[in-house]
PDB file of N, CA and C in Angstrom:
ATOM      1  N   UNK A   1       7.919 -79.871 -96.288  1.00  0.00           N
ATOM      2  CA  UNK A   1       7.601 -78.589 -96.205  1.00  0.00           C
ATOM      3  C   UNK A   1       6.183 -78.457 -95.625  1.00  0.00           C
ATOM      4  N   UNK A   2       5.957 -77.612 -94.746  1.00  0.00           N
ATOM      5  CA  UNK A   2       4.540 -77.773 -94.094  1.00  0.00           C
ATOM      6  C   UNK A   2       3.813 -76.546 -94.760  1.00  0.00           C
ATOM      7  N   UNK A   3       2.322 -76.882 -94.785  1.00  0.00           N
ATOM      8  CA  UNK A   3       1.619 -75.991 -95.659  1.00  0.00           C
ATOM      9  C   UNK A   3       0.689 -75.268 -94.259  1.00  0.00           C
ATOM     10  N   UNK A   4       0.643 -73.967 -94.513  1.00  0.00           N
ATOM     11  CA  UNK A   4      -0.479 -73.405 -93.639  1.00  0.00           C
ATOM     12  C   UNK A   4      -1.735 -73.036 -94.052  1.00  0.00           C
ATOM     13  N   UNK A   5      -2.782 -73.153 -93.096  1.00  0.00           N
ATOM     14  CA  UNK A   5      -3.929 -73.164 -93.410  1.00  0.00           C
ATOM     15  C   UNK A   5      -4.068 -71.646 -93.731  1.00  0.00           C
ATOM     16  N   UNK A   6      -5.142 -71.516 -94.746  1.00  0.00           N
ATOM     17  CA  UNK A   6      -5.379 -70.260 -95.374  1.00  0.00           C
ATOM     18  C   UNK A   6      -5.925 -69.458 -94.155  1.00  0.00           C
ATOM     19  N   UNK A   7      -5.987 -68.186 -94.437  1.00  0.00           N
ATOM     20  CA  UNK A   7      -6.040 -67.346 -92.985  1.00  0.00           C
ATOM     21  C   UNK A   7      -6.989 -66.040 -93.872  1.00  0.00           C
ATOM     22  N   UNK A   8      -7.824 -65.329 -92.886  1.00  0.00           N
ATOM     23  CA  UNK A   8      -8.635 -64.074 -92.975  1.00  0.00           C
ATOM     24  C   UNK A   8      -8.118 -62.931 -92.207  1.00  0.00           C
ATOM     25  N   UNK A   9      -8.014 -61.844 -92.866  1.00  0.00           N
ATOM     26  CA  UNK A   9      -7.415 -60.552 -91.850  1.00  0.00           C
ATOM     27  C   UNK A   9      -8.666 -59.711 -91.603  1.00  0.00           C
ATOM     28  N   UNK A  10      -8.811 -59.745 -90.436  1.00  0.00           N
ATOM     29  CA  UNK A  10     -10.003 -58.606 -89.754  1.00  0.00           C
ATOM     30  C   UNK A  10      -9.475 -57.778 -89.016  1.00  0.00           C
ATOM     31  N   UNK A  11     -10.103 -56.641 -88.641  1.00  0.00           N
ATOM     32  CA  UNK A  11      -9.362 -55.542 -87.813  1.00  0.00           C
ATOM     33  C   UNK A  11     -10.602 -55.471 -86.664  1.00  0.00           C
ATOM     34  N   UNK A  12     -10.389 -55.099 -85.814  1.00  0.00           N
ATOM     35  CA  UNK A  12     -11.207 -54.731 -84.413  1.00  0.00           C
ATOM     36  C   UNK A  12     -10.759 -53.846 -83.696  1.00  0.00           C
ATOM     37  N   UNK A  13     -11.490 -53.024 -83.416  1.00  0.00           N
ATOM     38  CA  UNK A  13     -11.450 -51.840 -82.398  1.00  0.00           C
ATOM     39  C   UNK A  13     -10.867 -52.292 -80.947  1.00  0.00           C
ATOM     40  N   UNK A  14      -9.964 -51.618 -80.325  1.00  0.00           N
ATOM     41  CA  UNK A  14      -9.534 -52.357 -79.023  1.00  0.00           C
ATOM     42  C   UNK A  14      -9.244 -51.163 -78.268  1.00  0.00           C
ATOM     43  N   UNK A  15      -8.854 -51.340 -76.989  1.00  0.00           N
ATOM     44  CA  UNK A  15      -8.875 -50.171 -75.916  1.00  0.00           C
ATOM     45  C   UNK A  15      -7.574 -49.830 -75.578  1.00  0.00           C
ATOM     46  N   UNK A  16      -6.742 -50.993 -75.965  1.00  0.00           N
ATOM     47  CA  UNK A  16      -5.326 -50.905 -75.354  1.00  0.00           C
ATOM     48  C   UNK A  16      -4.279 -51.218 -76.575  1.00  0.00           C
ATOM     49  N   UNK A  17      -2.941 -50.691 -76.275  1.00  0.00           N
ATOM     50  CA  UNK A  17      -2.023 -51.392 -77.007  1.00  0.00           C
ATOM     51  C   UNK A  17      -0.820 -51.510 -76.168  1.00  0.00           C
ATOM     52  N   UNK A  18      -0.608 -52.785 -76.043  1.00  0.00           N
ATOM     53  CA  UNK A  18      -1.155 -53.942 -76.637  1.00  0.00           C
ATOM     54  C   UNK A  18      -2.453 -54.238 -76.300  1.00  0.00           C
ATOM     55  N   UNK A  19      -3.194 -54.876 -77.169  1.00  0.00           N
ATOM     56  CA  UNK A  19      -4.685 -55.299 -76.496  1.00  0.00           C
ATOM     57  C   UNK A  19      -4.670 -56.407 -75.398  1.00  0.00           C
ATOM     58  N   UNK A  20      -5.578 -56.421 -74.673  1.00  0.00           N
ATOM     59  CA  UNK A  20      -5.503 -57.747 -73.507  1.00  0.00           C
ATOM     60  C   UNK A  20      -7.011 -58.464 -73.807  1.00  0.00           C
ATOM     61  N   UNK A  21      -6.942 -59.429 -72.873  1.00  0.00           N
ATOM     62  CA  UNK A  21      -8.090 -60.533 -73.076  1.00  0.00           C
ATOM     63  C   UNK A  21      -9.497 -59.805 -73.015  1.00  0.00           C
ATOM     64  N   UNK A  22      -9.555 -58.485 -72.178  1.00  0.00           N
ATOM     65  CA  UNK A  22     -10.720 -57.929 -71.907  1.00  0.00           C
ATOM     66  C   UNK A  22     -11.349 -57.452 -73.448  1.00  0.00           C
ATOM     67  N   UNK A  23     -10.341 -57.065 -74.354  1.00  0.00           N
ATOM     68  CA  UNK A  23     -10.623 -56.384 -75.775  1.00  0.00           C
ATOM     69  C   UNK A  23     -11.305 -57.603 -76.773  1.00  0.00           C
ATOM     70  N   UNK A  24     -11.158 -58.912 -76.150  1.00  0.00           N
ATOM     71  CA  UNK A  24     -11.476 -59.909 -76.926  1.00  0.00           C
ATOM     72  C   UNK A  24     -12.431 -60.868 -76.232  1.00  0.00           C
ATOM     73  N   UNK A  25     -13.145 -60.002 -75.343  1.00  0.00           N
ATOM     74  CA  UNK A  25     -14.093 -60.543 -74.397  1.00  0.00           C
ATOM     75  C   UNK A  25     -15.691 -60.285 -74.898  1.00  0.00           C
ATOM     76  N   UNK A  26     -16.501 -61.178 -75.115  1.00  0.00           N
ATOM     77  CA  UNK A  26     -17.903 -60.710 -75.688  1.00  0.00           C
ATOM     78  C   UNK A  26     -18.588 -59.977 -74.836  1.00  0.00           C
ATOM     79  N   UNK A  27     -19.614 -58.821 -75.081  1.00  0.00           N
ATOM     80  CA  UNK A  27     -20.322 -58.283 -74.110  1.00  0.00           C
ATOM     81  C   UNK A  27     -21.253 -59.151 -73.263  1.00  0.00           C
ATOM     82  N   UNK A  28     -21.682 -60.281 -73.917  1.00  0.00           N
ATOM     83  CA  UNK A  28     -22.473 -61.506 -73.165  1.00  0.00           C
ATOM     84  C   UNK A  28     -21.711 -61.916 -71.868  1.00  0.00           C
ATOM     85  N   UNK A  29     -20.467 -62.475 -72.404  1.00  0.00           N
ATOM     86  CA  UNK A  29     -19.520 -62.787 -71.222  1.00  0.00           C
ATOM     87  C   UNK A  29     -19.134 -61.893 -69.980  1.00  0.00           C
ATOM     88  N   UNK A  30     -19.032 -60.686 -70.466  1.00  0.00           N
ATOM     89  CA  UNK A  30     -18.957 -59.493 -69.542  1.00  0.00           C
ATOM     90  C   UNK A  30     -20.165 -59.248 -68.925  1.00  0.00           C
ATOM     91  N   UNK A  31     -21.280 -59.607 -69.087  1.00  0.00           N
ATOM     92  CA  UNK A  31     -22.702 -59.507 -68.362  1.00  0.00           C
ATOM     93  C   UNK A  31     -23.223 -58.177 -68.761  1.00  0.00           C
ATOM     94  N   UNK A  32     -22.772 -57.531 -69.829  1.00  0.00           N
ATOM     95  CA  UNK A  32     -23.414 -56.163 -70.172  1.00  0.00           C
ATOM     96  C   UNK A  32     -24.615 -56.362 -70.937  1.00  0.00           C
ATOM     97  N   UNK A  33     -25.818 -55.774 -70.302  1.00  0.00           N
ATOM     98  CA  UNK A  33     -27.212 -55.803 -70.706  1.00  0.00           C
ATOM     99  C   UNK A  33     -27.432 -55.718 -72.395  1.00  0.00           C
ATOM    100  N   UNK A  34     -28.289 -56.115 -72.880  1.00  0.00           N
ATOM    101  CA  UNK A  34     -28.374 -56.035 -74.193  1.00  0.00           C
ATOM    102  C   UNK A  34     -29.886 -55.440 -74.166  1.00  0.00           C
ATOM    103  N   UNK A  35     -30.048 -54.307 -75.057  1.00  0.00           N
ATOM    104  CA  UNK A  35     -30.907 -53.555 -75.448  1.00  0.00           C
ATOM    105  C   UNK A  35     -31.806 -54.451 -76.668  1.00  0.00           C
ATOM    106  N   UNK A  36     -32.770 -54.411 -76.416  1.00  0.00           N
ATOM    107  CA  UNK A  36     -33.928 -54.857 -77.439  1.00  0.00           C
ATOM    108  C   UNK A  36     -33.252 -56.052 -77.924  1.00  0.00           C
ATOM    109  N   UNK A  37     -33.470 -56.956 -77.300  1.00  0.00           N
ATOM    110  CA  UNK A  37     -32.714 -58.550 -77.583  1.00  0.00           C
ATOM    111  C   UNK A  37     -34.033 -59.230 -78.184  1.00  0.00           C
ATOM    112  N   UNK A  38     -33.448 -60.005 -79.267  1.00  0.00           N
ATOM    113  CA  UNK A  38     -33.900 -61.036 -80.183  1.00  0.00           C
ATOM    114  C   UNK A  38     -32.679 -62.115 -80.320  1.00  0.00           C
ATOM    115  N   UNK A  39     -33.477 -63.127 -81.050  1.00  0.00           N
ATOM    116  CA  UNK A  39     -32.340 -64.143 -80.792  1.00  0.00           C
ATOM    117  C   UNK A  39     -31.243 -64.045 -81.712  1.00  0.00           C
ATOM    118  N   UNK A  40     -31.396 -63.609 -82.743  1.00  0.00           N
ATOM    119  CA  UNK A  40     -30.097 -62.831 -83.486  1.00  0.00           C
ATOM    120  C   UNK A  40     -29.197 -61.997 -82.969  1.00  0.00           C
ATOM    121  N   UNK A  41     -29.582 -60.770 -82.102  1.00  0.00           N
ATOM    122  CA  UNK A  41     -28.887 -60.031 -81.300  1.00  0.00           C
ATOM    123  C   UNK A  41     -28.328 -60.803 -80.340  1.00  0.00           C
ATOM    124  N   UNK A  42     -28.897 -61.717 -79.574  1.00  0.00           N
ATOM    125  CA  UNK A  42     -28.373 -62.357 -78.498  1.00  0.00           C
ATOM    126  C   UNK A  42     -27.143 -63.028 -79.130  1.00  0.00           C
ATOM    127  N   UNK A  43     -27.218 -63.634 -80.042  1.00  0.00           N
ATOM    128  CA  UNK A  43     -26.292 -64.479 -80.962  1.00  0.00           C
ATOM    129  C   UNK A  43     -25.165 -63.396 -81.267  1.00  0.00           C
ATOM    130  N   UNK A  44     -25.360 -62.324 -81.710  1.00  0.00           N
ATOM    131  CA  UNK A  44     -24.269 -61.540 -82.121  1.00  0.00           C
ATOM    132  C   UNK A  44     -23.550 -61.062 -80.793  1.00  0.00           C
ATOM    133  N   UNK A  45     -24.363 -61.126 -79.723  1.00  0.00           N
ATOM    134  CA  UNK A  45     -23.637 -60.272 -78.471  1.00  0.00           C
ATOM    135  C   UNK A  45     -22.824 -61.411 -77.779  1.00  0.00           C
ATOM    136  N   UNK A  46     -23.081 -62.236 -78.204  1.00  0.00           N
ATOM    137  CA  UNK A  46     -21.998 -63.322 -77.744  1.00  0.00           C
ATOM    138  C   UNK A  46     -20.781 -63.471 -78.423  1.00  0.00           C
ATOM    139  N   UNK A  47     -20.688 -62.661 -79.561  1.00  0.00           N
ATOM    140  CA  UNK A  47     -19.169 -62.672 -80.590  1.00  0.00           C
ATOM    141  C   UNK A  47     -18.782 -61.116 -80.148  1.00  0.00           C
ATOM    142  N   UNK A  48     -17.903 -60.994 -81.202  1.00  0.00           N
ATOM    143  CA  UNK A  48     -17.106 -59.757 -81.208  1.00  0.00           C
ATOM    144  C   UNK A  48     -17.523 -59.088 -82.609  1.00  0.00           C
ATOM    145  N   UNK A  49     -17.447 -57.823 -82.566  1.00  0.00           N
ATOM    146  CA  UNK A  49     -17.213 -57.035 -83.870  1.00  0.00           C
ATOM    147  C   UNK A  49     -16.140 -57.115 -84.274  1.00  0.00           C
ATOM    148  N   UNK A  50     -15.865 -57.130 -85.923  1.00  0.00           N
ATOM    149  CA  UNK A  50     -14.633 -56.811 -86.562  1.00  0.00           C
ATOM    150  C   UNK A  50     -15.139 -56.103 -87.974  1.00  0.00           C
ATOM    151  N   UNK A  51     -14.004 -55.754 -88.699  1.00  0.00           N
ATOM    152  CA  UNK A  51     -14.365 -55.338 -90.182  1.00  0.00           C
ATOM    153  C   UNK A  51     -13.246 -55.805 -91.049  1.00  0.00           C
ATOM    154  N   UNK A  52     -13.841 -55.777 -92.401  1.00  0.00           N
ATOM    155  CA  UNK A  52     -13.071 -56.225 -93.256  1.00  0.00           C
ATOM    156  C   UNK A  52     -11.805 -55.650 -93.467  1.00  0.00           C
ATOM    157  N   UNK A  53     -12.183 -54.046 -93.439  1.00  0.00           N
ATOM    158  CA  UNK A  53     -10.636 -53.186 -93.748  1.00  0.00           C
ATOM    159  C   UNK A  53     -10.275 -52.599 -92.437  1.00  0.00           C
ATOM    160  N   UNK A  54      -9.209 -51.803 -92.379  1.00  0.00           N
ATOM    161  CA  UNK A  54      -8.835 -50.869 -91.325  1.00  0.00           C
ATOM    162  C   UNK A  54      -9.630 -49.613 -91.496  1.00  0.00           C
ATOM    163  N   UNK A  55      -9.983 -49.320 -92.729  1.00  0.00           N
ATOM    164  CA  UNK A  55     -10.637 -47.767 -92.733  1.00  0.00           C
ATOM    165  C   UNK A  55     -11.997 -48.262 -91.930  1.00  0.00           C
ATOM    166  N   UNK A  56     -12.618 -48.998 -92.541  1.00  0.00           N
ATOM    167  CA  UNK A  56     -13.893 -49.242 -91.859  1.00  0.00           C
ATOM    168  C   UNK A  56     -13.962 -49.532 -90.253  1.00  0.00           C
ATOM    169  N   UNK A  57     -13.029 -50.093 -89.858  1.00  0.00           N
ATOM    170  CA  UNK A  57     -12.836 -50.041 -88.410  1.00  0.00           C
ATOM    171  C   UNK A  57     -12.488 -48.703 -87.804  1.00  0.00           C
ATOM    172  N   UNK A  58     -11.490 -48.078 -88.477  1.00  0.00           N
ATOM    173  CA  UNK A  58     -11.218 -46.819 -87.961  1.00  0.00           C
ATOM    174  C   UNK A  58     -12.397 -45.658 -87.989  1.00  0.00           C
ATOM    175  N   UNK A  59     -13.154 -45.805 -89.075  1.00  0.00           N
ATOM    176  CA  UNK A  59     -14.530 -44.983 -89.235  1.00  0.00           C
ATOM    177  C   UNK A  59     -15.186 -45.153 -87.927  1.00  0.00           C
ATOM    178  N   UNK A  60     -15.772 -46.324 -87.710  1.00  0.00           N
ATOM    179  CA  UNK A  60     -16.464 -46.739 -86.229  1.00  0.00           C
ATOM    180  C   UNK A  60     -15.755 -46.483 -85.170  1.00  0.00           C
ATOM    181  N   UNK A  61     -14.585 -46.207 -85.065  1.00  0.00           N
ATOM    182  CA  UNK A  61     -13.887 -46.027 -84.028  1.00  0.00           C
ATOM    183  C   UNK A  61     -13.717 -44.653 -83.483  1.00  0.00           C
ATOM    184  N   UNK A  62     -13.972 -43.607 -84.719  1.00  0.00           N
ATOM    185  CA  UNK A  62     -14.125 -42.396 -84.548  1.00  0.00           C
ATOM    186  C   UNK A  62     -15.675 -41.898 -84.214  1.00  0.00           C
ATOM    187  N   UNK A  63     -16.416 -42.737 -84.872  1.00  0.00           N
ATOM    188  CA  UNK A  63     -17.784 -42.542 -84.735  1.00  0.00           C
ATOM    189  C   UNK A  63     -18.162 -42.767 -83.389  1.00  0.00           C
ATOM    190  N   UNK A  64     -17.764 -44.054 -82.873  1.00  0.00           N
ATOM    191  CA  UNK A  64     -17.734 -44.292 -81.238  1.00  0.00           C
ATOM    192  C   UNK A  64     -16.551 -44.637 -80.403  1.00  0.00           C
ATOM    193  N   UNK A  65     -15.752 -43.494 -80.127  1.00  0.00           N
ATOM    194  CA  UNK A  65     -14.813 -43.434 -79.475  1.00  0.00           C
ATOM    195  C   UNK A  65     -14.770 -44.213 -78.027  1.00  0.00           C
ATOM    196  N   UNK A  66     -15.746 -44.407 -77.621  1.00  0.00           N
ATOM    197  CA  UNK A  66     -16.040 -45.360 -76.527  1.00  0.00           C
ATOM    198  C   UNK A  66     -15.563 -46.450 -76.598  1.00  0.00           C
ATOM    199  N   UNK A  67     -15.694 -47.098 -77.846  1.00  0.00           N
ATOM    200  CA  UNK A  67     -15.221 -48.701 -78.341  1.00  0.00           C
ATOM    201  C   UNK A  67     -13.855 -48.941 -78.047  1.00  0.00           C
ATOM    202  N   UNK A  68     -12.896 -47.876 -78.238  1.00  0.00           N
ATOM    203  CA  UNK A  68     -11.453 -47.862 -78.236  1.00  0.00           C
ATOM    204  C   UNK A  68     -10.958 -46.974 -78.936  1.00  0.00           C
ATOM    205  N   UNK A  69      -9.438 -46.714 -78.883  1.00  0.00           N
ATOM    206  CA  UNK A  69      -8.528 -45.949 -79.764  1.00  0.00           C
ATOM    207  C   UNK A  69      -7.636 -46.375 -80.596  1.00  0.00           C
ATOM    208  N   UNK A  70      -7.615 -48.008 -80.442  1.00  0.00           N
ATOM    209  CA  UNK A  70      -6.739 -48.555 -81.481  1.00  0.00           C
ATOM    210  C   UNK A  70      -7.252 -49.356 -82.522  1.00  0.00           C
ATOM    211  N   UNK A  71      -6.714 -50.010 -83.470  1.00  0.00           N
ATOM    212  CA  UNK A  71      -7.222 -51.127 -84.302  1.00  0.00           C
ATOM    213  C   UNK A  71      -6.003 -51.923 -84.409  1.00  0.00           C
ATOM    214  N   UNK A  72      -6.256 -53.273 -83.998  1.00  0.00           N
ATOM    215  CA  UNK A  72      -5.623 -54.512 -84.140  1.00  0.00           C
ATOM    216  C   UNK A  72      -6.268 -55.201 -85.428  1.00  0.00           C
ATOM    217  N   UNK A  73      -4.982 -55.580 -86.230  1.00  0.00           N
ATOM    218  CA  UNK A  73      -5.327 -56.499 -87.142  1.00  0.00           C
ATOM    219  C   UNK A  73      -5.180 -58.110 -86.641  1.00  0.00           C
ATOM    220  N   UNK A  74      -6.245 -58.876 -86.877  1.00  0.00           N
ATOM    221  CA  UNK A  74      -6.252 -60.173 -86.585  1.00  0.00           C
ATOM    222  C   UNK A  74      -5.971 -60.835 -87.913  1.00  0.00           C
ATOM    223  N   UNK A  75      -5.110 -61.842 -87.946  1.00  0.00           N
ATOM    224  CA  UNK A  75      -4.972 -63.014 -88.948  1.00  0.00           C
ATOM    225  C   UNK A  75      -5.714 -64.186 -88.236  1.00  0.00           C
ATOM    226  N   UNK A  76      -6.681 -64.430 -88.755  1.00  0.00           N
ATOM    227  CA  UNK A  76      -7.506 -65.471 -88.326  1.00  0.00           C
ATOM    228  C   UNK A  76      -7.486 -66.863 -89.128  1.00  0.00           C
ATOM    229  N   UNK A  77      -6.727 -67.813 -88.810  1.00  0.00           N
ATOM    230  CA  UNK A  77      -6.675 -68.977 -89.452  1.00  0.00           C
ATOM    231  C   UNK A  77      -8.003 -69.575 -90.019  1.00  0.00           C
ATOM    232  N   UNK A  78      -7.870 -69.928 -91.203  1.00  0.00           N
ATOM    233  CA  UNK A  78      -9.520 -70.675 -91.874  1.00  0.00           C
ATOM    234  C   UNK A  78      -9.566 -72.268 -91.415  1.00  0.00           C
ATOM    235  N   UNK A  79      -9.549 -72.364 -90.218  1.00  0.00           N
ATOM    236  CA  UNK A  79      -9.288 -73.897 -89.908  1.00  0.00           C
ATOM    237  C   UNK A  79     -10.392 -74.260 -88.971  1.00  0.00           C
ATOM    238  N   UNK A  80     -11.161 -73.588 -88.691  1.00  0.00           N
ATOM    239  CA  UNK A  80     -12.508 -73.738 -87.835  1.00  0.00           C
ATOM    240  C   UNK A  80     -12.225 -73.496 -86.462  1.00  0.00           C
ATOM    241  N   UNK A  81     -10.938 -72.697 -85.931  1.00  0.00           N
ATOM    242  CA  UNK A  81     -10.957 -72.519 -84.657  1.00  0.00           C
ATOM    243  C   UNK A  81     -11.631 -71.309 -84.169  1.00  0.00           C
ATOM    244  N   UNK A  82     -12.128 -70.708 -85.132  1.00  0.00           N
ATOM    245  CA  UNK A  82     -13.216 -69.662 -84.619  1.00  0.00           C
ATOM    246  C   UNK A  82     -14.207 -69.892 -85.890  1.00  0.00           C
ATOM    247  N   UNK A  83     -15.419 -68.924 -85.396  1.00  0.00           N
ATOM    248  CA  UNK A  83     -16.404 -69.125 -86.374  1.00  0.00           C
ATOM    249  C   UNK A  83     -16.702 -67.490 -86.710  1.00  0.00           C
ATOM    250  N   UNK A  84     -16.826 -67.000 -87.810  1.00  0.00           N
ATOM    251  CA  UNK A  84     -17.025 -65.609 -88.480  1.00  0.00           C
ATOM    252  C   UNK A  84     -18.155 -65.595 -89.539  1.00  0.00           C
ATOM    253  N   UNK A  85     -18.789 -64.533 -89.199  1.00  0.00           N
ATOM    254  CA  UNK A  85     -19.912 -64.148 -90.465  1.00  0.00           C
ATOM    255  C   UNK A  85     -19.919 -62.827 -90.731  1.00  0.00           C
ATOM    256  N   UNK A  86     -20.391 -62.520 -91.944  1.00  0.00           N
ATOM    257  CA  UNK A  86     -20.834 -61.085 -92.171  1.00  0.00           C
ATOM    258  C   UNK A  86     -21.887 -60.621 -91.702  1.00  0.00           C
ATOM    259  N   UNK A  87     -22.107 -59.594 -90.759  1.00  0.00           N
ATOM    260  CA  UNK A  87     -23.307 -59.473 -90.140  1.00  0.00           C
ATOM    261  C   UNK A  87     -23.449 -57.763 -90.339  1.00  0.00           C
ATOM    262  N   UNK A  88     -24.202 -57.460 -90.939  1.00  0.00           N
ATOM    263  CA  UNK A  88     -24.362 -56.070 -91.128  1.00  0.00           C
ATOM    264  C   UNK A  88     -23.948 -55.341 -92.478  1.00  0.00           C
ATOM    265  N   UNK A  89     -23.797 -53.903 -92.526  1.00  0.00           N
ATOM    266  CA  UNK A  89     -23.420 -53.388 -93.633  1.00  0.00           C
ATOM    267  C   UNK A  89     -22.030 -52.915 -93.338  1.00  0.00           C
ATOM    268  N   UNK A  90     -21.252 -52.269 -94.254  1.00  0.00           N
ATOM    269  CA  UNK A  90     -19.905 -51.568 -94.119  1.00  0.00           C
ATOM    270  C   UNK A  90     -18.957 -52.198 -93.650  1.00  0.00           C
ATOM    271  N   UNK A  91     -18.993 -53.477 -94.248  1.00  0.00           N
ATOM    272  CA  UNK A  91     -17.692 -54.783 -93.760  1.00  0.00           C
ATOM    273  C   UNK A  91     -17.703 -55.125 -92.513  1.00  0.00           C
ATOM    274  N   UNK A  92     -18.893 -55.057 -91.927  1.00  0.00           N
ATOM    275  CA  UNK A  92     -19.154 -55.405 -90.331  1.00  0.00           C
ATOM    276  C   UNK A  92     -19.116 -57.292 -90.455  1.00  0.00           C
ATOM    277  N   UNK A  93     -18.513 -57.831 -89.687  1.00  0.00           N
ATOM    278  CA  UNK A  93     -18.253 -59.050 -89.128  1.00  0.00           C
ATOM    279  C   UNK A  93     -18.475 -59.420 -87.739  1.00  0.00           C
ATOM    280  N   UNK A  94     -18.955 -60.492 -87.410  1.00  0.00           N
ATOM    281  CA  UNK A  94     -18.912 -60.886 -86.183  1.00  0.00           C
ATOM    282  C   UNK A  94     -18.176 -62.432 -86.094  1.00  0.00           C
ATOM    283  N   UNK A  95     -17.312 -62.434 -84.856  1.00  0.00           N
ATOM    284  CA  UNK A  95     -16.461 -63.246 -84.751  1.00  0.00           C
ATOM    285  C   UNK A  95     -16.685 -63.960 -83.350  1.00  0.00           C
ATOM    286  N   UNK A  96     -16.607 -65.304 -83.406  1.00  0.00           N
ATOM    287  CA  UNK A  96     -16.813 -65.966 -82.136  1.00  0.00           C
ATOM    288  C   UNK A  96     -15.440 -66.922 -81.993  1.00  0.00           C
ATOM    289  N   UNK A  97     -14.841 -66.987 -80.808  1.00  0.00           N
ATOM    290  CA  UNK A  97     -13.703 -67.594 -80.460  1.00  0.00           C
ATOM    291  C   UNK A  97     -13.328 -67.415 -79.141  1.00  0.00           C
ATOM    292  N   UNK A  98     -12.395 -67.923 -78.529  1.00  0.00           N
ATOM    293  CA  UNK A  98     -12.156 -67.620 -77.173  1.00  0.00           C
ATOM    294  C   UNK A  98     -11.221 -66.576 -77.249  1.00  0.00           C
ATOM    295  N   UNK A  99     -11.616 -65.791 -76.080  1.00  0.00           N
ATOM    296  CA  UNK A  99     -10.492 -64.610 -76.058  1.00  0.00           C
ATOM    297  C   UNK A  99      -8.917 -64.942 -76.073  1.00  0.00           C
ATOM    298  N   UNK A 100      -8.543 -65.674 -75.755  1.00  0.00           N
ATOM    299  CA  UNK A 100      -7.063 -66.084 -75.504  1.00  0.00           C
ATOM    300  C   UNK A 100      -6.507 -66.479 -76.876  1.00  0.00           C
ATOM    301  N   UNK A 101      -7.387 -67.255 -77.692  1.00  0.00           N
ATOM    302  CA  UNK A 101      -7.117 -67.605 -78.967  1.00  0.00           C
ATOM    303  C   UNK A 101      -6.804 -66.245 -80.002  1.00  0.00           C
ATOM    304  N   UNK A 102      -8.018 -65.541 -80.153  1.00  0.00           N
ATOM    305  CA  UNK A 102      -8.386 -64.288 -80.702  1.00  0.00           C
ATOM    306  C   UNK A 102      -7.459 -63.246 -80.358  1.00  0.00           C
ATOM    307  N   UNK A 103      -6.720 -63.028 -78.996  1.00  0.00           N
ATOM    308  CA  UNK A 103      -5.581 -62.272 -78.498  1.00  0.00           C
ATOM    309  C   UNK A 103      -4.209 -62.873 -79.379  1.00  0.00           C
ATOM    310  N   UNK A 104      -4.045 -64.051 -79.494  1.00  0.00           N
ATOM    311  CA  UNK A 104      -3.030 -64.522 -79.977  1.00  0.00           C
ATOM    312  C   UNK A 104      -3.040 -64.141 -81.595  1.00  0.00           C
ATOM    313  N   UNK A 105      -4.260 -64.023 -82.398  1.00  0.00           N
ATOM    314  CA  UNK A 105      -4.072 -63.835 -83.702  1.00  0.00           C
ATOM    315  C   UNK A 105      -3.811 -62.362 -83.999  1.00  0.00           C
ATOM    316  N   UNK A 106      -3.572 -61.515 -82.890  1.00  0.00           N
ATOM    317  CA  UNK A 106      -3.058 -60.073 -83.145  1.00  0.00           C
ATOM    318  C   UNK A 106      -1.971 -59.968 -83.827  1.00  0.00           C
ATOM    319  N   UNK A 107      -1.783 -59.303 -85.134  1.00  0.00           N
ATOM    320  CA  UNK A 107      -0.539 -59.248 -85.786  1.00  0.00           C
ATOM    321  C   UNK A 107      -0.162 -57.924 -85.797  1.00  0.00           C
ATOM    322  N   UNK A 108      -0.917 -56.625 -85.325  1.00  0.00           N
ATOM    323  CA  UNK A 108      -0.709 -55.526 -85.735  1.00  0.00           C
ATOM    324  C   UNK A 108      -1.447 -54.649 -84.869  1.00  0.00           C
ATOM    325  N   UNK A 109      -0.841 -53.706 -84.182  1.00  0.00           N
ATOM    326  CA  UNK A 109      -1.991 -52.564 -83.601  1.00  0.00           C
ATOM    327  C   UNK A 109      -1.669 -51.251 -84.172  1.00  0.00           C
ATOM    328  N   UNK A 110      -2.565 -50.589 -84.602  1.00  0.00           N
ATOM    329  CA  UNK A 110      -2.194 -49.050 -84.995  1.00  0.00           C
ATOM    330  C   UNK A 110      -3.297 -47.956 -84.197  1.00  0.00           C
ATOM    331  N   UNK A 111      -3.033 -46.831 -84.322  1.00  0.00           N
ATOM    332  CA  UNK A 111      -3.984 -45.857 -83.796  1.00  0.00           C
ATOM    333  C   UNK A 111      -5.301 -45.756 -84.545  1.00  0.00           C
ATOM    334  N   UNK A 112      -6.258 -45.531 -84.060  1.00  0.00           N
ATOM    335  CA  UNK A 112      -7.688 -45.327 -84.790  1.00  0.00           C
ATOM    336  C   UNK A 112      -7.715 -43.884 -85.194  1.00  0.00           C
ATOM    337  N   UNK A 113      -6.896 -42.932 -84.757  1.00  0.00           N
ATOM    338  CA  UNK A 113      -6.907 -41.514 -85.228  1.00  0.00           C
ATOM    339  C   UNK A 113      -6.127 -41.171 -86.493  1.00  0.00           C
TER     340      UNK A 113
END
């Protein structure tokens, strides 16, 4: 019997259903300018925003509809293949990992509305 590594569930706002690699590509990699850069903001700009619950992601999607109209549930293995940290309030996390790997972690997509 094989044992699976423990995993973490996070929720990310995405623009399409199904999501694409672009939905998991950081703003830094996309070349988007960062306002008021600090070393911490640059570090987070190189990662992706995600939330601990679908409700938190949904609230942010409604508040900032330009981010996307869908919520992707990610099942992220806790095996070191990605790095994630709690950053900010309201269940916000930043996750760093390859876009292709993060896309492969998508288990479900729902509407943000």
